[in-house]
Amino acid sequence: MKLIYTHDNIVVLHSVKNILALNGIESFVKNEHTIPVGANHGINNTFLELWLRDDRDDEKAAAIIESEIENQNPKDAWTCSGCGEENDGSFDVCWKCQNAPSGK
């Protein structure tokens, strides 16, 4: 087991965990249940941590976190060929008619 990521926001930490899972990397969150007692021990003493189950996934997980979380490259907006609606690059399908962009 190896510590791969820490964050003070549990939602962000679980998002990273889910992205790793989508890439076939098992991980788990440590200290998740210490959030309610954080104030009793001091906020800086309670760290939310994401750990890898298999140390061999370290390099792959670090690369995924680097590209998907820490250095996100914004995608260009695209126009739906079905309805002509302009969609932000973060959309995988048209928000209006649910058509996939051409070329995907």
N, C-alpha and C. Protein backbone atom coordinates (compact mmCIF):
# COMPACT_ATOMS: atom_id res chain seq x y z
N MET A 1 0.85 -1.17 0.00
CA MET A 1 0.00 0.00 0.00
C MET A 1 0.89 1.24 0.00
N LYS A 2 0.40 2.26 -0.70
CA LYS A 2 1.20 3.48 -0.80
C LYS A 2 0.28 4.70 -0.86
N LEU A 3 0.66 5.74 -0.13
CA LEU A 3 -0.06 7.01 -0.17
C LEU A 3 0.18 7.66 -1.52
N ILE A 4 -0.91 8.04 -2.21
CA ILE A 4 -0.77 8.63 -3.55
C ILE A 4 -1.29 10.06 -3.62
N TYR A 5 -2.24 10.44 -2.74
CA TYR A 5 -2.86 11.76 -2.89
C TYR A 5 -3.49 12.18 -1.57
N THR A 6 -3.41 13.46 -1.26
CA THR A 6 -4.12 14.02 -0.10
C THR A 6 -4.86 15.28 -0.55
N HIS A 7 -5.96 15.54 0.11
CA HIS A 7 -6.73 16.75 -0.17
C HIS A 7 -7.61 17.02 1.04
N ASP A 8 -7.92 18.28 1.27
CA ASP A 8 -8.75 18.61 2.42
C ASP A 8 -10.24 18.51 2.12
N ASN A 9 -10.60 18.28 0.87
CA ASN A 9 -12.01 18.17 0.47
C ASN A 9 -12.31 16.71 0.12
N ILE A 10 -13.21 16.09 0.85
CA ILE A 10 -13.54 14.68 0.65
C ILE A 10 -14.13 14.42 -0.73
N VAL A 11 -14.85 15.39 -1.28
CA VAL A 11 -15.45 15.23 -2.61
C VAL A 11 -14.36 15.14 -3.67
N VAL A 12 -13.36 15.98 -3.59
CA VAL A 12 -12.24 15.94 -4.54
C VAL A 12 -11.50 14.61 -4.40
N LEU A 13 -11.28 14.18 -3.17
CA LEU A 13 -10.55 12.94 -2.94
C LEU A 13 -11.30 11.75 -3.54
N HIS A 14 -12.61 11.71 -3.36
CA HIS A 14 -13.40 10.61 -3.94
C HIS A 14 -13.46 10.71 -5.47
N SER A 15 -13.41 11.91 -6.01
CA SER A 15 -13.35 12.06 -7.46
C SER A 15 -12.06 11.45 -8.01
N VAL A 16 -10.95 11.70 -7.33
CA VAL A 16 -9.68 11.11 -7.75
C VAL A 16 -9.75 9.59 -7.64
N LYS A 17 -10.33 9.10 -6.55
CA LYS A 17 -10.49 7.65 -6.35
C LYS A 17 -11.30 7.04 -7.50
N ASN A 18 -12.37 7.71 -7.90
CA ASN A 18 -13.21 7.21 -8.99
C ASN A 18 -12.48 7.24 -10.33
N ILE A 19 -11.71 8.27 -10.58
CA ILE A 19 -10.93 8.34 -11.83
C ILE A 19 -9.91 7.21 -11.89
N LEU A 20 -9.26 6.94 -10.76
CA LEU A 20 -8.31 5.84 -10.72
C LEU A 20 -9.03 4.51 -10.96
N ALA A 21 -10.21 4.34 -10.35
CA ALA A 21 -10.98 3.10 -10.53
C ALA A 21 -11.37 2.90 -12.00
N LEU A 22 -11.73 3.99 -12.67
CA LEU A 22 -12.07 3.89 -14.10
C LEU A 22 -10.88 3.45 -14.94
N ASN A 23 -9.69 3.64 -14.40
CA ASN A 23 -8.46 3.24 -15.09
C ASN A 23 -7.90 1.93 -14.53
N GLY A 24 -8.71 1.20 -13.78
CA GLY A 24 -8.33 -0.11 -13.28
C GLY A 24 -7.38 -0.10 -12.09
N ILE A 25 -7.36 1.00 -11.33
CA ILE A 25 -6.46 1.10 -10.19
C ILE A 25 -7.28 1.13 -8.91
N GLU A 26 -7.04 0.15 -8.03
CA GLU A 26 -7.76 0.08 -6.76
C GLU A 26 -7.10 0.99 -5.73
N SER A 27 -7.94 1.73 -5.01
CA SER A 27 -7.44 2.61 -3.96
C SER A 27 -8.49 2.70 -2.86
N PHE A 28 -8.10 3.29 -1.75
CA PHE A 28 -9.04 3.48 -0.65
C PHE A 28 -8.71 4.76 0.09
N VAL A 29 -9.72 5.32 0.77
CA VAL A 29 -9.58 6.57 1.50
C VAL A 29 -9.31 6.27 2.97
N LYS A 30 -8.29 6.92 3.51
CA LYS A 30 -7.98 6.83 4.94
C LYS A 30 -8.37 8.13 5.62
N ASN A 31 -8.78 8.02 6.86
CA ASN A 31 -9.14 9.15 7.72
C ASN A 31 -10.45 9.81 7.31
N GLU A 32 -11.23 9.12 6.51
CA GLU A 32 -12.51 9.68 6.06
C GLU A 32 -13.47 9.93 7.22
N HIS A 33 -13.44 9.07 8.20
CA HIS A 33 -14.39 9.17 9.30
C HIS A 33 -13.88 10.02 10.45
N THR A 34 -12.74 10.67 10.25
CA THR A 34 -12.21 11.56 11.28
C THR A 34 -12.64 13.01 11.05
N ILE A 35 -13.34 13.27 9.97
CA ILE A 35 -13.77 14.63 9.66
C ILE A 35 -14.60 15.24 10.80
N PRO A 36 -15.59 14.52 11.35
CA PRO A 36 -16.40 15.13 12.41
C PRO A 36 -15.60 15.48 13.67
N VAL A 37 -14.51 14.78 13.94
CA VAL A 37 -13.73 15.06 15.15
C VAL A 37 -12.55 15.97 14.86
N GLY A 38 -12.41 16.42 13.61
CA GLY A 38 -11.28 17.27 13.23
C GLY A 38 -11.16 18.51 14.08
N ALA A 39 -12.28 19.11 14.41
CA ALA A 39 -12.24 20.33 15.21
C ALA A 39 -11.70 20.06 16.61
N ASN A 40 -11.94 18.88 17.14
CA ASN A 40 -11.44 18.54 18.48
C ASN A 40 -9.92 18.36 18.50
N HIS A 41 -9.37 17.92 17.36
CA HIS A 41 -7.93 17.63 17.30
C HIS A 41 -7.15 18.70 16.55
N GLY A 42 -7.83 19.68 16.02
CA GLY A 42 -7.18 20.71 15.21
C GLY A 42 -7.28 20.33 13.74
N ILE A 43 -7.71 21.25 12.92
CA ILE A 43 -7.94 20.98 11.50
C ILE A 43 -6.69 20.45 10.83
N ASN A 44 -5.52 20.97 11.16
CA ASN A 44 -4.29 20.56 10.49
C ASN A 44 -3.82 19.17 10.90
N ASN A 45 -4.44 18.57 11.90
CA ASN A 45 -4.04 17.24 12.34
C ASN A 45 -4.84 16.14 11.66
N THR A 46 -5.81 16.49 10.85
CA THR A 46 -6.66 15.51 10.21
C THR A 46 -6.49 15.61 8.71
N PHE A 47 -5.80 14.65 8.13
CA PHE A 47 -5.56 14.65 6.69
C PHE A 47 -6.36 13.54 6.03
N LEU A 48 -7.03 13.89 4.95
CA LEU A 48 -7.72 12.89 4.14
C LEU A 48 -6.71 12.35 3.13
N GLU A 49 -6.59 11.05 3.07
CA GLU A 49 -5.55 10.43 2.24
C GLU A 49 -6.14 9.38 1.32
N LEU A 50 -5.56 9.30 0.12
CA LEU A 50 -5.92 8.25 -0.83
C LEU A 50 -4.72 7.33 -0.98
N TRP A 51 -4.94 6.07 -0.72
CA TRP A 51 -3.88 5.06 -0.75
C TRP A 51 -4.13 4.06 -1.86
N LEU A 52 -3.06 3.64 -2.51
CA LEU A 52 -3.13 2.58 -3.52
C LEU A 52 -3.07 1.23 -2.82
N ARG A 53 -3.84 0.28 -3.31
CA ARG A 53 -3.77 -1.08 -2.76
C ARG A 53 -2.52 -1.81 -3.25
N ASP A 54 -2.08 -1.48 -4.46
CA ASP A 54 -0.94 -2.16 -5.06
C ASP A 54 0.13 -1.11 -5.41
N ASP A 55 1.30 -1.22 -4.79
CA ASP A 55 2.40 -0.27 -5.03
C ASP A 55 2.81 -0.21 -6.50
N ARG A 56 2.59 -1.29 -7.23
CA ARG A 56 3.00 -1.33 -8.64
C ARG A 56 2.19 -0.36 -9.51
N ASP A 57 1.06 0.13 -8.99
CA ASP A 57 0.23 1.09 -9.73
C ASP A 57 0.68 2.54 -9.52
N ASP A 58 1.74 2.73 -8.76
CA ASP A 58 2.19 4.07 -8.36
C ASP A 58 2.44 4.99 -9.55
N GLU A 59 3.25 4.59 -10.50
CA GLU A 59 3.59 5.47 -11.61
C GLU A 59 2.38 5.79 -12.49
N LYS A 60 1.58 4.76 -12.76
CA LYS A 60 0.38 4.97 -13.59
C LYS A 60 -0.60 5.91 -12.88
N ALA A 61 -0.80 5.69 -11.58
CA ALA A 61 -1.73 6.53 -10.81
C ALA A 61 -1.23 7.97 -10.74
N ALA A 62 0.06 8.15 -10.52
CA ALA A 62 0.62 9.50 -10.45
C ALA A 62 0.45 10.23 -11.78
N ALA A 63 0.64 9.52 -12.89
CA ALA A 63 0.47 10.13 -14.21
C ALA A 63 -0.99 10.52 -14.46
N ILE A 64 -1.91 9.68 -14.04
CA ILE A 64 -3.34 9.97 -14.20
C ILE A 64 -3.72 11.19 -13.37
N ILE A 65 -3.27 11.24 -12.13
CA ILE A 65 -3.58 12.38 -11.27
C ILE A 65 -2.99 13.65 -11.85
N GLU A 66 -1.78 13.56 -12.34
CA GLU A 66 -1.11 14.73 -12.94
C GLU A 66 -1.89 15.26 -14.14
N SER A 67 -2.31 14.37 -15.03
CA SER A 67 -2.97 14.82 -16.26
C SER A 67 -4.45 15.15 -16.07
N GLU A 68 -5.15 14.38 -15.25
CA GLU A 68 -6.60 14.54 -15.12
C GLU A 68 -7.02 15.51 -14.01
N ILE A 69 -6.22 15.63 -12.97
CA ILE A 69 -6.63 16.43 -11.82
C ILE A 69 -5.83 17.73 -11.71
N GLU A 70 -4.53 17.62 -11.74
CA GLU A 70 -3.70 18.78 -11.45
C GLU A 70 -3.44 19.66 -12.66
N ASN A 71 -3.36 19.09 -13.84
CA ASN A 71 -3.06 19.88 -15.05
C ASN A 71 -4.09 19.61 -16.14
N GLN A 72 -5.31 19.90 -15.85
CA GLN A 72 -6.36 19.68 -16.84
C GLN A 72 -6.20 20.65 -18.00
N ASN A 73 -6.15 20.11 -19.20
CA ASN A 73 -6.13 20.95 -20.39
C ASN A 73 -7.57 21.15 -20.84
N PRO A 74 -8.02 22.40 -20.92
CA PRO A 74 -9.40 22.62 -21.34
C PRO A 74 -9.61 22.17 -22.78
N LYS A 75 -10.75 21.57 -23.01
CA LYS A 75 -11.09 21.12 -24.37
C LYS A 75 -11.85 22.24 -25.08
N ASP A 76 -11.69 22.28 -26.40
CA ASP A 76 -12.38 23.29 -27.20
C ASP A 76 -13.88 23.03 -27.23
N ALA A 77 -14.65 24.11 -27.30
CA ALA A 77 -16.10 24.00 -27.47
C ALA A 77 -16.38 23.36 -28.83
N TRP A 78 -17.54 22.71 -28.94
CA TRP A 78 -17.91 22.07 -30.19
C TRP A 78 -19.38 22.31 -30.48
N THR A 79 -19.72 22.29 -31.76
CA THR A 79 -21.10 22.52 -32.19
C THR A 79 -21.72 21.19 -32.59
N CYS A 80 -22.89 20.92 -32.04
CA CYS A 80 -23.60 19.67 -32.31
C CYS A 80 -24.05 19.61 -33.76
N SER A 81 -23.76 18.50 -34.41
CA SER A 81 -24.19 18.33 -35.80
C SER A 81 -25.67 17.99 -35.90
N GLY A 82 -26.28 17.57 -34.77
CA GLY A 82 -27.70 17.22 -34.77
C GLY A 82 -28.62 18.41 -34.62
N CYS A 83 -28.28 19.34 -33.70
CA CYS A 83 -29.20 20.45 -33.43
C CYS A 83 -28.54 21.82 -33.59
N GLY A 84 -27.22 21.84 -33.81
CA GLY A 84 -26.52 23.11 -34.00
C GLY A 84 -26.17 23.85 -32.72
N GLU A 85 -26.43 23.24 -31.57
CA GLU A 85 -26.15 23.87 -30.28
C GLU A 85 -24.65 23.86 -29.99
N GLU A 86 -24.12 24.97 -29.46
CA GLU A 86 -22.72 25.01 -29.06
C GLU A 86 -22.59 24.43 -27.66
N ASN A 87 -21.62 23.53 -27.48
CA ASN A 87 -21.40 22.84 -26.21
C ASN A 87 -19.99 23.11 -25.71
N ASP A 88 -19.86 23.24 -24.41
CA ASP A 88 -18.55 23.38 -23.80
C ASP A 88 -17.74 22.10 -24.06
N GLY A 89 -16.43 22.23 -24.13
CA GLY A 89 -15.57 21.09 -24.40
C GLY A 89 -15.64 20.00 -23.36
N SER A 90 -16.12 20.32 -22.16
CA SER A 90 -16.22 19.31 -21.11
C SER A 90 -17.39 18.35 -21.31
N PHE A 91 -18.30 18.68 -22.24
CA PHE A 91 -19.45 17.82 -22.50
C PHE A 91 -19.07 16.71 -23.49
N ASP A 92 -19.39 15.47 -23.13
CA ASP A 92 -19.15 14.34 -24.02
C ASP A 92 -20.30 14.13 -25.00
N VAL A 93 -21.46 14.65 -24.66
CA VAL A 93 -22.63 14.62 -25.54
C VAL A 93 -23.29 15.99 -25.48
N CYS A 94 -24.09 16.27 -26.48
CA CYS A 94 -24.81 17.55 -26.54
C CYS A 94 -25.78 17.65 -25.36
N TRP A 95 -25.74 18.77 -24.67
CA TRP A 95 -26.61 18.93 -23.51
C TRP A 95 -28.08 19.05 -23.93
N LYS A 96 -28.31 19.48 -25.17
CA LYS A 96 -29.68 19.73 -25.63
C LYS A 96 -30.34 18.47 -26.24
N CYS A 97 -29.58 17.74 -27.09
CA CYS A 97 -30.20 16.60 -27.78
C CYS A 97 -29.51 15.26 -27.52
N GLN A 98 -28.45 15.27 -26.73
CA GLN A 98 -27.71 14.09 -26.32
C GLN A 98 -26.98 13.37 -27.47
N ASN A 99 -26.73 14.06 -28.57
CA ASN A 99 -25.92 13.50 -29.66
C ASN A 99 -24.45 13.62 -29.30
N ALA A 100 -23.65 12.62 -29.70
CA ALA A 100 -22.19 12.68 -29.50
C ALA A 100 -21.60 13.58 -30.56
N PRO A 101 -20.50 14.26 -30.26
CA PRO A 101 -19.87 15.09 -31.28
C PRO A 101 -19.34 14.22 -32.43
N SER A 102 -19.37 14.78 -33.63
CA SER A 102 -18.86 14.00 -34.76
C SER A 102 -17.37 13.78 -34.58
N GLY A 103 -16.92 12.60 -34.97
CA GLY A 103 -15.52 12.24 -34.82
C GLY A 103 -15.24 11.44 -33.55
N LYS A 104 -16.25 11.23 -32.70
CA LYS A 104 -16.02 10.44 -31.47
C LYS A 104 -16.65 9.09 -31.62
